[in-house]
């Protein structure tokens, strides 16, 4: 069993789904292979995980699996990867449970990431928080940023200004998790863990949330690809070419 101060060395990346809202990018590739800031999403994820001690990543996929397989086979550096292919869509919870069969060992905790998110924050702090709380699952939480503009209006109806896509005082599931291995049998064989496993763990007080202080961006639409590329370029002090 991993010690209380040891890094988490395994992860699962959920890279299934047809991502129809990302077409035409996903006409020929799975969502995880869509390029943001000049690199596939999964390369950003694997490099981030490797930088925090992850040595082995299980990548779960279905749609256009051969494209992802060829890419992973050609990668050098970073975590060793194991590809598992869903014969039919299993949902995120079912996909997690199925992918866990590719993990090594029997007791070690593991990270899990949705295949359509880009984020950078200290996973060692995430892990320490998880162990301090003593729960079974810890969710990364991101501040909710609306895609709508907000109108600043006074009580008398006078419009004082506009704020485009502000962050609101709410937190959303960021698609980054830390699981104890004992949770795997509690995941659905098919379906979504957020409507089954997580509510049960919450009732038992075994589910915790970690507020991410760092870059986070979901990539769900064509618009997101451009905006995420611009954000990453700005963080690097570059000019975006996306």
Protein backbone atom coordinates (compact mmCIF):
# COMPACT_ATOMS: atom_id res chain seq x y z
CA UNK A 1 0.00 0.00 0.00
CA UNK A 2 1.22 3.48 -0.83
CA UNK A 3 2.56 5.28 2.23
CA UNK A 4 0.99 8.41 3.60
CA UNK A 5 3.70 10.60 2.09
CA UNK A 6 4.33 8.68 -1.13
CA UNK A 7 3.26 10.21 -4.45
CA UNK A 8 0.36 8.73 -6.39
CA UNK A 9 1.98 7.02 -9.36
CA UNK A 10 -0.98 5.88 -11.47
CA UNK A 11 -3.79 7.63 -13.30
CA UNK A 12 -6.76 6.99 -15.57
CA UNK A 13 -7.68 9.27 -18.47
CA UNK A 14 -11.23 8.91 -19.81
CA UNK A 15 -10.83 9.56 -23.53
CA UNK A 16 -13.99 7.94 -24.91
CA UNK A 17 -17.03 9.60 -26.44
CA UNK A 18 -17.62 10.97 -29.95
CA UNK A 19 -17.56 14.66 -28.96
CA UNK A 20 -20.08 15.78 -31.58
CA UNK A 21 -19.88 19.39 -30.36
CA UNK A 22 -16.21 19.47 -31.35
CA UNK A 23 -16.79 18.63 -35.00
CA UNK A 24 -15.15 19.00 -37.46
CA UNK A 25 -12.08 18.48 -35.20
CA UNK A 26 -13.41 15.09 -34.10
CA UNK A 27 -14.45 13.81 -37.52
CA UNK A 28 -11.12 12.01 -37.77
CA UNK A 29 -9.91 11.77 -34.17
CA UNK A 30 -11.16 11.34 -30.60
CA UNK A 31 -11.57 14.40 -28.40
CA UNK A 32 -8.33 13.73 -26.50
CA UNK A 33 -6.41 14.10 -29.78
CA UNK A 34 -7.79 17.55 -30.60
CA UNK A 35 -4.89 20.02 -30.66
CA UNK A 36 -4.93 22.98 -28.28
CA UNK A 37 -1.99 25.39 -28.37
CA UNK A 38 -0.30 23.15 -30.94
CA UNK A 39 -0.51 19.85 -29.01
CA UNK A 40 -3.15 17.17 -28.44
CA UNK A 41 -5.07 17.53 -25.19
CA UNK A 42 -3.79 14.16 -23.99
CA UNK A 43 -0.15 15.26 -24.37
CA UNK A 44 -0.79 18.25 -22.12
CA UNK A 45 -2.38 15.89 -19.59
CA UNK A 46 0.33 13.23 -19.67
CA UNK A 47 3.12 15.78 -19.29
CA UNK A 48 1.34 17.37 -16.32
CA UNK A 49 0.87 13.98 -14.66
CA UNK A 50 4.49 13.00 -15.30
CA UNK A 51 5.66 16.21 -13.70
CA UNK A 52 3.97 15.13 -10.47
CA UNK A 53 5.31 11.59 -10.23
CA UNK A 54 2.79 9.59 -12.26
CA UNK A 55 4.57 6.66 -13.88
CA UNK A 56 1.67 4.73 -15.45
CA UNK A 57 -1.53 5.98 -17.06
CA UNK A 58 -4.46 3.91 -18.28
CA UNK A 59 -6.21 5.58 -21.21
CA UNK A 60 -9.80 4.47 -21.78
CA UNK A 61 -11.24 5.10 -25.23
CA UNK A 62 -13.73 3.88 -27.82
CA UNK A 63 -14.37 6.24 -30.73
CA UNK A 64 -11.42 6.37 -33.18
CA UNK A 65 -9.34 4.30 -30.77
CA UNK A 66 -6.79 3.46 -33.46
CA UNK A 67 -5.80 7.14 -33.78
CA UNK A 68 -5.11 7.36 -30.07
CA UNK A 69 -3.26 4.04 -30.08
CA UNK A 70 -0.93 5.14 -32.88
CA UNK A 71 -0.20 8.41 -31.11
CA UNK A 72 0.53 6.82 -27.74
CA UNK A 73 2.75 4.17 -29.36
CA UNK A 74 4.81 6.95 -30.91
CA UNK A 75 5.22 9.04 -27.75
CA UNK A 76 8.55 9.22 -25.99
CA UNK A 77 8.96 10.23 -22.37
CA UNK A 78 6.25 10.72 -19.81
CA UNK A 79 4.27 7.98 -18.11
CA UNK A 80 4.02 4.50 -19.54
CA UNK A 81 0.53 4.13 -21.02
CA UNK A 82 -1.93 1.24 -21.24
CA UNK A 83 -4.83 1.63 -23.68
CA UNK A 84 -8.16 -0.03 -22.93
CA UNK A 85 -10.95 0.11 -25.52
CA UNK A 86 -14.65 0.10 -24.67
CA UNK A 87 -16.60 -2.16 -27.03
CA UNK A 88 -19.70 -0.09 -26.27
CA UNK A 89 -20.17 3.27 -24.51
CA UNK A 90 -20.13 2.63 -20.76
CA UNK A 91 -20.63 6.16 -19.46
CA UNK A 92 -18.10 7.94 -17.29
CA UNK A 93 -18.67 5.75 -14.22
CA UNK A 94 -18.62 2.54 -16.22
CA UNK A 95 -15.58 3.77 -18.12
CA UNK A 96 -13.73 4.43 -14.87
CA UNK A 97 -14.55 0.99 -13.53
CA UNK A 98 -13.50 -0.69 -16.77
CA UNK A 99 -10.28 1.32 -17.04
CA UNK A 100 -9.33 0.45 -13.47
CA UNK A 101 -8.78 -3.13 -14.67
CA UNK A 102 -5.63 -1.82 -16.37
CA UNK A 103 -4.13 -0.40 -13.17
CA UNK A 104 -1.29 -2.20 -11.45
CA UNK A 105 -1.33 -3.46 -7.89
CA UNK A 106 -4.47 -3.78 -5.80
CA UNK A 107 -4.41 -1.14 -3.06
CA UNK A 108 -2.75 2.00 -4.41
CA UNK A 109 -4.88 5.12 -4.98
CA UNK A 110 -5.03 6.68 -8.43
CA UNK A 111 -5.82 9.94 -10.16
CA UNK A 112 -8.54 10.12 -12.80
CA UNK A 113 -9.07 12.80 -15.44
CA UNK A 114 -11.76 13.49 -17.97
CA UNK A 115 -10.18 13.54 -21.41
CA UNK A 116 -11.50 16.99 -22.28
CA UNK A 117 -9.94 19.16 -19.60
CA UNK A 118 -6.72 21.15 -19.40
CA UNK A 119 -5.39 22.08 -15.99
CA UNK A 120 -2.23 22.73 -14.04
CA UNK A 121 -2.17 22.74 -10.27
CA UNK A 122 0.04 21.01 -7.66
CA UNK A 123 -1.02 17.38 -7.42
CA UNK A 124 1.14 16.87 -4.33
CA UNK A 125 -1.07 19.38 -2.48
CA UNK A 126 -4.16 17.68 -3.89
CA UNK A 127 -2.88 14.34 -2.59
CA UNK A 128 -2.00 15.74 0.84
CA UNK A 129 -5.48 17.25 1.14
CA UNK A 130 -7.08 13.91 0.20
CA UNK A 131 -5.08 12.04 2.81
CA UNK A 132 -5.75 14.65 5.48
CA UNK A 133 -9.50 14.36 4.96
CA UNK A 134 -9.44 10.56 4.97
CA UNK A 135 -12.20 10.19 2.38
CA UNK A 136 -12.56 7.68 -0.41
CA UNK A 137 -12.71 10.18 -3.27
CA UNK A 138 -11.60 13.79 -3.60
CA UNK A 139 -12.87 15.90 -6.48
CA UNK A 140 -10.99 18.81 -7.96
CA UNK A 141 -13.32 21.81 -8.05
CA UNK A 142 -13.08 24.71 -10.49
CA UNK A 143 -14.70 28.12 -10.16
CA UNK A 144 -17.73 28.35 -12.44
CA UNK A 145 -17.26 30.77 -15.32
CA UNK A 146 -20.42 31.60 -17.21
CA UNK A 147 -20.38 31.89 -20.99
CA UNK A 148 -22.98 34.64 -20.75
CA UNK A 149 -22.30 38.31 -20.18
CA UNK A 150 -23.57 39.79 -16.92
CA UNK A 151 -25.52 43.06 -16.89
CA UNK A 152 -24.84 45.36 -13.94
CA UNK A 153 -28.19 47.00 -13.26
CA UNK A 154 -29.14 49.38 -10.44
CA UNK A 155 -32.35 49.12 -8.42
CA UNK A 156 -33.93 51.88 -10.52
CA UNK A 157 -33.23 49.96 -13.73
CA UNK A 158 -30.26 52.02 -14.90
CA UNK A 159 -27.68 49.79 -16.59
CA UNK A 160 -24.27 50.63 -15.20
CA UNK A 161 -22.14 48.30 -17.29
CA UNK A 162 -21.43 44.81 -18.54
CA UNK A 163 -19.08 42.03 -17.49
CA UNK A 164 -18.24 39.41 -20.12
CA UNK A 165 -18.09 35.78 -18.95
CA UNK A 166 -17.25 36.41 -15.28
CA UNK A 167 -16.38 33.79 -12.70
CA UNK A 168 -19.29 33.25 -10.35
CA UNK A 169 -19.18 32.31 -6.63
CA UNK A 170 -19.96 28.66 -7.35
CA UNK A 171 -17.78 25.57 -7.76
CA UNK A 172 -18.12 22.83 -10.39
CA UNK A 173 -16.71 19.35 -10.77
CA UNK A 174 -13.43 19.94 -12.62
CA UNK A 175 -13.11 16.37 -13.91
CA UNK A 176 -10.01 15.61 -11.84
CA UNK A 177 -10.26 13.01 -9.08
CA UNK A 178 -8.23 11.08 -6.54
CA UNK A 179 -9.71 7.66 -5.86
CA UNK A 180 -8.94 5.08 -3.23
CA UNK A 181 -8.86 1.70 -4.94
CA UNK A 182 -11.66 0.38 -2.69
CA UNK A 183 -14.10 2.65 -4.57
CA UNK A 184 -13.76 0.75 -7.86
CA UNK A 185 -16.33 -1.97 -6.98
CA UNK A 186 -18.77 0.78 -6.01
CA UNK A 187 -18.68 2.34 -9.49
CA UNK A 188 -21.50 1.43 -11.91
CA UNK A 189 -20.80 -1.15 -14.59
CA UNK A 190 -22.54 1.20 -16.97
CA UNK A 191 -23.65 4.76 -16.32
CA UNK A 192 -22.51 7.88 -14.52
CA UNK A 193 -20.79 7.86 -11.13
CA UNK A 194 -22.05 11.37 -10.38
CA UNK A 195 -25.63 10.12 -10.17
CA UNK A 196 -24.89 6.86 -8.35
CA UNK A 197 -21.60 6.36 -6.51
CA UNK A 198 -20.87 9.96 -5.57
CA UNK A 199 -24.24 10.72 -3.92
CA UNK A 200 -23.86 7.60 -1.77
CA UNK A 201 -20.33 8.54 -0.73
CA UNK A 202 -21.52 12.07 0.05
CA UNK A 203 -24.21 10.68 2.37
CA UNK A 204 -21.51 8.73 4.20
CA UNK A 205 -19.20 11.76 4.49
CA UNK A 206 -16.52 10.06 2.41
CA UNK A 207 -16.50 12.50 -0.53
CA UNK A 208 -14.48 15.73 -0.43
CA UNK A 209 -13.79 18.68 -2.71
CA UNK A 210 -10.47 20.42 -3.35
CA UNK A 211 -10.66 23.95 -4.72
CA UNK A 212 -8.20 24.31 -7.58
CA UNK A 213 -5.97 27.36 -7.43
CA UNK A 214 -4.48 27.38 -10.90
CA UNK A 215 -5.32 27.11 -14.58
CA UNK A 216 -8.36 25.00 -15.52
CA UNK A 217 -10.32 24.86 -18.74
CA UNK A 218 -12.85 22.44 -20.18
CA UNK A 219 -12.73 21.83 -23.96
CA UNK A 220 -16.25 20.94 -25.09
CA UNK A 221 -16.84 23.05 -28.20
CA UNK A 222 -14.99 24.47 -31.20
CA UNK A 223 -15.03 27.85 -29.46
CA UNK A 224 -13.30 26.32 -26.43
CA UNK A 225 -10.39 25.12 -28.58
CA UNK A 226 -9.54 28.67 -29.66
CA UNK A 227 -10.13 30.23 -26.24
CA UNK A 228 -8.12 27.56 -24.40
CA UNK A 229 -5.26 28.03 -26.86
CA UNK A 230 -5.31 31.77 -26.26
CA UNK A 231 -5.28 31.25 -22.49
CA UNK A 232 -2.33 28.86 -22.63
CA UNK A 233 -0.42 31.20 -24.94
CA UNK A 234 -1.05 34.06 -22.53
CA UNK A 235 0.24 31.97 -19.62
CA UNK A 236 3.41 31.23 -21.60
CA UNK A 237 3.80 34.81 -22.78
CA UNK A 238 3.34 33.73 -26.40
CA UNK A 239 1.12 34.75 -29.31
CA UNK A 240 -1.57 32.15 -29.95
CA UNK A 241 -1.63 30.42 -33.33
CA UNK A 242 -4.70 28.30 -32.62
